[in-house]
Protein backbone atom coordinates (compact mmCIF):
# COMPACT_ATOMS: atom_id res chain seq x y z
CA MET A 1 -88.25 -2.63 -201.86
CA THR A 2 -89.02 0.47 -199.83
CA LYS A 3 -87.08 3.62 -199.07
CA ASN A 4 -86.06 2.08 -195.71
CA LEU A 5 -83.34 0.18 -197.59
CA ILE A 6 -81.02 3.12 -198.15
CA THR A 7 -78.09 0.70 -198.51
CA ILE A 8 -79.68 -0.39 -201.80
CA TYR A 9 -81.17 2.77 -203.29
CA ASP A 10 -78.40 5.16 -202.12
CA PRO A 11 -75.35 3.01 -201.30
CA LYS A 12 -72.93 5.96 -201.37
CA SER A 13 -74.85 8.04 -198.82
CA PRO A 14 -73.36 8.85 -195.39
CA ILE A 15 -76.02 6.69 -193.73
CA SER A 16 -75.17 3.69 -195.90
CA GLU A 17 -71.53 4.17 -194.98
CA GLN A 18 -72.50 4.10 -191.30
CA TYR A 19 -74.22 0.73 -191.79
CA ARG A 20 -71.00 -0.57 -193.35
CA THR A 21 -69.10 0.86 -190.38
CA LEU A 22 -71.46 -0.99 -188.05
CA ARG A 23 -70.79 -4.21 -189.95
CA THR A 24 -67.03 -3.65 -189.73
CA ASN A 25 -67.23 -2.89 -186.01
CA LEU A 26 -69.14 -6.13 -185.45
CA GLU A 27 -66.50 -8.06 -187.36
CA PHE A 28 -63.73 -6.60 -185.18
CA THR A 29 -65.79 -7.22 -182.03
CA SER A 30 -66.14 -10.88 -182.94
CA LEU A 31 -62.48 -11.60 -183.69
CA GLY A 32 -61.69 -15.00 -182.21
CA THR A 33 -65.33 -15.67 -181.30
CA GLN A 34 -68.41 -16.93 -183.07
CA LEU A 35 -70.76 -14.26 -184.44
CA GLN A 36 -73.25 -15.97 -186.69
CA THR A 37 -76.54 -15.11 -184.99
CA ILE A 38 -77.39 -11.50 -184.08
CA LEU A 39 -80.51 -10.24 -182.32
CA ILE A 40 -81.60 -6.66 -182.98
CA THR A 41 -84.11 -5.07 -180.65
CA SER A 42 -85.07 -1.70 -179.17
CA THR A 43 -86.50 -0.25 -175.99
CA SER A 44 -89.90 0.59 -177.47
CA THR A 45 -91.62 0.83 -180.85
CA GLY A 46 -90.65 3.34 -183.51
CA GLU A 47 -86.91 3.43 -182.78
CA GLY A 48 -85.83 1.93 -186.10
CA LYS A 49 -84.87 -1.63 -185.18
CA SER A 50 -86.40 -3.20 -188.30
CA THR A 51 -84.77 -0.62 -190.57
CA THR A 52 -81.44 -1.26 -188.85
CA ALA A 53 -81.84 -5.05 -189.08
CA SER A 54 -82.75 -4.85 -192.77
CA ASN A 55 -79.91 -2.55 -193.80
CA LEU A 56 -77.38 -4.50 -191.75
CA ALA A 57 -78.54 -7.66 -193.51
CA VAL A 58 -78.07 -5.91 -196.87
CA VAL A 59 -74.50 -4.79 -196.17
CA TYR A 60 -73.55 -8.26 -194.94
CA SER A 61 -74.97 -9.77 -198.12
CA GLN A 62 -73.00 -7.26 -200.20
CA LEU A 63 -69.85 -8.92 -198.84
CA GLY A 64 -71.02 -12.14 -200.48
CA LYS A 65 -72.14 -13.68 -197.22
CA ARG A 66 -75.27 -15.80 -197.28
CA VAL A 67 -77.66 -13.94 -194.95
CA LEU A 68 -80.99 -14.91 -193.40
CA LEU A 69 -83.16 -12.19 -191.85
CA ILE A 70 -85.99 -13.46 -189.62
CA ASP A 71 -88.96 -11.35 -188.52
CA CYS A 72 -89.40 -12.45 -184.90
CA ASP A 73 -91.79 -9.57 -184.15
CA MET A 74 -94.95 -11.55 -184.72
CA ARG A 75 -97.11 -8.93 -183.02
CA ARG A 76 -96.12 -6.04 -185.30
CA PRO A 77 -94.31 -7.56 -188.27
CA THR A 78 -92.73 -5.23 -190.82
CA LEU A 79 -90.11 -7.10 -192.83
CA HIS A 80 -92.68 -8.33 -195.37
CA GLN A 81 -93.49 -4.66 -196.07
CA ILE A 82 -89.86 -3.56 -196.31
CA PHE A 83 -88.98 -6.37 -198.74
CA ARG A 84 -92.47 -6.67 -200.28
CA LEU A 85 -92.82 -10.37 -199.56
CA ASP A 86 -95.68 -12.76 -198.96
CA THR A 87 -96.45 -13.22 -195.26
CA ARG A 88 -98.80 -16.20 -195.46
CA ASP A 89 -96.00 -18.68 -194.79
CA GLY A 90 -93.43 -17.55 -192.21
CA LEU A 91 -92.04 -17.95 -188.71
CA SER A 92 -95.32 -18.62 -186.92
CA ASN A 93 -96.15 -21.35 -189.45
CA ILE A 94 -92.78 -23.03 -188.90
CA LEU A 95 -93.06 -22.91 -185.10
CA ALA A 96 -96.61 -24.26 -185.22
CA LYS A 97 -95.24 -27.08 -187.41
CA ARG A 98 -97.43 -26.06 -190.34
CA SER A 99 -94.49 -25.29 -192.60
CA SER A 100 -90.80 -26.06 -193.01
CA VAL A 101 -87.83 -23.70 -192.98
CA GLU A 102 -87.19 -24.48 -196.64
CA ALA A 103 -90.75 -23.56 -197.61
CA ALA A 104 -90.81 -20.34 -195.58
CA VAL A 105 -87.46 -18.88 -196.70
CA GLN A 106 -88.03 -16.26 -199.40
CA ALA A 107 -85.45 -14.84 -201.78
CA THR A 108 -85.01 -11.08 -202.20
CA GLN A 109 -83.66 -9.04 -205.09
CA LEU A 110 -80.17 -9.51 -203.61
CA ASP A 111 -78.52 -12.80 -204.49
CA HIS A 112 -77.28 -13.59 -200.99
CA LEU A 113 -80.10 -12.20 -198.84
CA PHE A 114 -83.09 -14.28 -197.74
CA VAL A 115 -86.00 -13.51 -195.41
CA ILE A 116 -88.40 -15.45 -193.22
CA THR A 117 -91.40 -13.23 -192.59
CA ALA A 118 -93.41 -13.38 -189.38
CA GLY A 119 -96.13 -15.45 -190.99
CA VAL A 120 -99.73 -15.48 -189.83
CA VAL A 121 -100.08 -13.43 -186.62
CA PRO A 122 -100.48 -15.98 -183.81
CA PRO A 123 -102.31 -15.57 -180.47
CA ASN A 124 -99.26 -16.74 -178.47
CA PRO A 125 -95.98 -15.36 -179.87
CA SER A 126 -93.98 -15.72 -176.63
CA GLU A 127 -94.98 -19.36 -176.21
CA LEU A 128 -94.02 -20.14 -179.79
CA LEU A 129 -90.61 -18.51 -179.44
CA ALA A 130 -89.95 -20.37 -176.18
CA ALA A 131 -90.75 -23.74 -177.75
CA PRO A 132 -87.92 -26.13 -178.72
CA SER A 133 -88.95 -25.75 -182.36
CA PHE A 134 -87.41 -22.26 -182.51
CA LEU A 135 -84.01 -23.57 -181.43
CA ASP A 136 -84.39 -26.34 -184.02
CA LEU A 137 -85.09 -23.68 -186.66
CA LEU A 138 -82.02 -21.71 -185.60
CA GLU A 139 -79.75 -24.75 -185.73
CA ASP A 140 -81.10 -25.66 -189.15
CA ALA A 141 -80.51 -22.13 -190.43
CA LYS A 142 -76.96 -22.04 -189.02
CA SER A 143 -76.03 -24.93 -191.26
CA GLN A 144 -77.22 -23.05 -194.35
CA PHE A 145 -76.39 -19.37 -193.75
CA ASP A 146 -73.30 -17.39 -192.78
CA ILE A 147 -75.17 -14.67 -190.88
CA ILE A 148 -78.61 -14.87 -189.24
CA ILE A 149 -80.23 -11.64 -188.03
CA LEU A 150 -83.30 -11.71 -185.79
CA ASP A 151 -85.57 -8.65 -185.83
CA ALA A 152 -87.06 -8.97 -182.34
CA PRO A 153 -89.80 -7.02 -180.49
CA PRO A 154 -88.94 -4.16 -178.11
CA VAL A 155 -87.42 -5.33 -174.83
CA MET A 156 -89.60 -3.31 -172.47
CA GLN A 157 -92.94 -4.15 -174.05
CA VAL A 158 -92.99 -7.96 -174.30
CA ALA A 159 -90.86 -10.89 -173.16
CA ASP A 160 -89.99 -12.13 -176.66
CA SER A 161 -86.53 -10.54 -176.95
CA ARG A 162 -85.55 -11.82 -173.52
CA ILE A 163 -86.57 -15.32 -174.62
CA LEU A 164 -84.48 -15.10 -177.80
CA ALA A 165 -81.39 -13.31 -176.44
CA PRO A 166 -79.79 -16.35 -174.76
CA LEU A 167 -79.98 -18.27 -178.06
CA VAL A 168 -77.85 -15.88 -180.14
CA ASP A 169 -74.17 -14.96 -180.28
CA GLY A 170 -74.87 -11.32 -179.48
CA SER A 171 -77.50 -8.58 -179.28
CA ILE A 172 -77.76 -4.99 -180.50
CA LEU A 173 -80.01 -2.38 -178.89
CA VAL A 174 -81.34 0.31 -181.24
CA LEU A 175 -82.11 3.72 -179.71
CA SER A 176 -83.78 6.81 -181.11
CA CYS A 177 -82.50 10.26 -180.21
CA GLU A 178 -86.00 11.57 -180.83
CA THR A 179 -88.01 9.21 -178.63
CA SER A 180 -85.83 7.01 -176.39
CA ASP A 181 -86.16 7.57 -172.65
CA ARG A 182 -82.85 7.32 -170.76
CA ASP A 183 -84.28 5.38 -167.82
CA GLU A 184 -86.04 2.95 -170.14
CA VAL A 185 -82.83 2.44 -172.11
CA ILE A 186 -80.93 1.55 -168.93
CA LYS A 187 -83.69 -0.86 -167.92
CA ALA A 188 -83.70 -2.46 -171.37
CA LYS A 189 -79.92 -2.93 -171.27
CA ASP A 190 -80.18 -4.45 -167.80
CA GLN A 191 -82.94 -6.81 -168.95
CA LEU A 192 -80.79 -8.01 -171.85
CA GLN A 193 -77.77 -8.50 -169.61
CA LEU A 194 -79.84 -10.63 -167.24
CA THR A 195 -80.38 -13.11 -170.08
CA GLY A 196 -76.64 -13.66 -170.35
CA THR A 197 -76.48 -12.42 -173.93
CA LYS A 198 -73.42 -10.53 -175.16
CA ILE A 199 -74.44 -6.95 -175.90
CA LEU A 200 -72.51 -6.10 -179.05
CA GLY A 201 -73.36 -2.41 -178.88
CA LEU A 202 -75.96 0.33 -179.11
CA VAL A 203 -77.07 1.86 -182.40
CA LEU A 204 -77.94 5.52 -181.97
CA ASN A 205 -80.61 6.24 -184.55
CA ARG A 206 -82.01 9.52 -185.91
CA ARG A 207 -79.25 11.67 -184.53
CA GLU A 208 -78.87 14.98 -186.34
CA THR A 209 -75.15 15.69 -186.64
CA ARG A 210 -74.68 18.25 -189.40
CA TYR A 211 -76.76 20.35 -191.73
CA ASP A 212 -75.83 22.02 -194.98
CA LYS A 213 -77.89 23.38 -197.84
CA ASN A 214 -78.43 19.91 -199.29
CA HIS A 215 -78.87 17.38 -196.50
CA TYR A 216 -79.35 16.54 -192.90
CA TYR A 217 -76.93 13.82 -191.85
CA TYR A 218 -77.66 11.18 -189.31
CA ALA A 219 -75.16 9.04 -187.44
CA TYR A 220 -75.55 5.41 -186.49
CA GLN A 221 -73.06 4.56 -183.75
């Protein structure tokens, strides 16, 4: 696995602790309500949504929960690189009815964490995600996993996240202090709200908070 998975290679770091804090905050947010399916998206590319989705999946699995992470960004997939998995059989194959969920689910080095990669890059990602077969996939996965995390494309660039948002229990918007534009963030939040999804929160990524002679620290809020 790559250095993006800080919750594995440096679990005692301040950043890893912030991912655990995010997990705890989500658990408190969901008290009395269902929170099994979570969509993670961003305003634009390069804001760290896939890194956030992957590390959140890791810390959930470290609780002993059975976790499925799905790469729904079929235009620019990255989860197969982060987890070093085969991408020949993944989400696009399932939605095109060329594979089954059971065949596409891949184990990781963590006992409780599983991944469905994006699969072969299709010419029509939005149409595939809008098809009834995606909802069938989600219902099938809900019967087998405790937590399902969808790594979805940026809200302001394609319609995919807005298609998926109504199907999940809640959505998280990842922002970058280095690159996010305030007006675009507001538009992205508004677009998500229009879908009727519950916005669970914003993750503020790449925020420099303190420097000493050893480290820069970054906060995820």
